[in-house]
């Protein structure tokens, strides 16, 4: 078995328009495709990151809330690789996003911080070198 990369991460949101605005306007992700599936009363929005990884944003009528804090079993958070955590933090805060103070990973020495999407999904920005981003 040889896994090559992550193709996509799927996120279910409670307010489609609010989340669409957050991911496209606040975070600046590019829209690949958008579809409304009437039989499911659901929107599906495919978004692209620079490396080809995709986020799928779904809406469903009355989705249940996240069961508990990030330490619940399952996806803990989604981390984006960035070249400059401090700049991203500043950009997000200028757009009204609350961002935690920057921390340093005790094992790698890399800077990172967390913020949340409109539904409270924990999102991380993790600083990597330019050479790491090219991989």
Foldseek 3Di string as FASTA:
>chain_A
DDDDDAAEAEDEDADVVQLVCCVCPLVNWAWPDWDQDVVQRKIWTWTADPVNHIYIYMYGHPDDADPDALVDPDHNAAEDEDADQVVSCVSNVVVVWDKDDWDAPPVPRWIKTWTAGPRRGIYMYIYDHPVVVVD
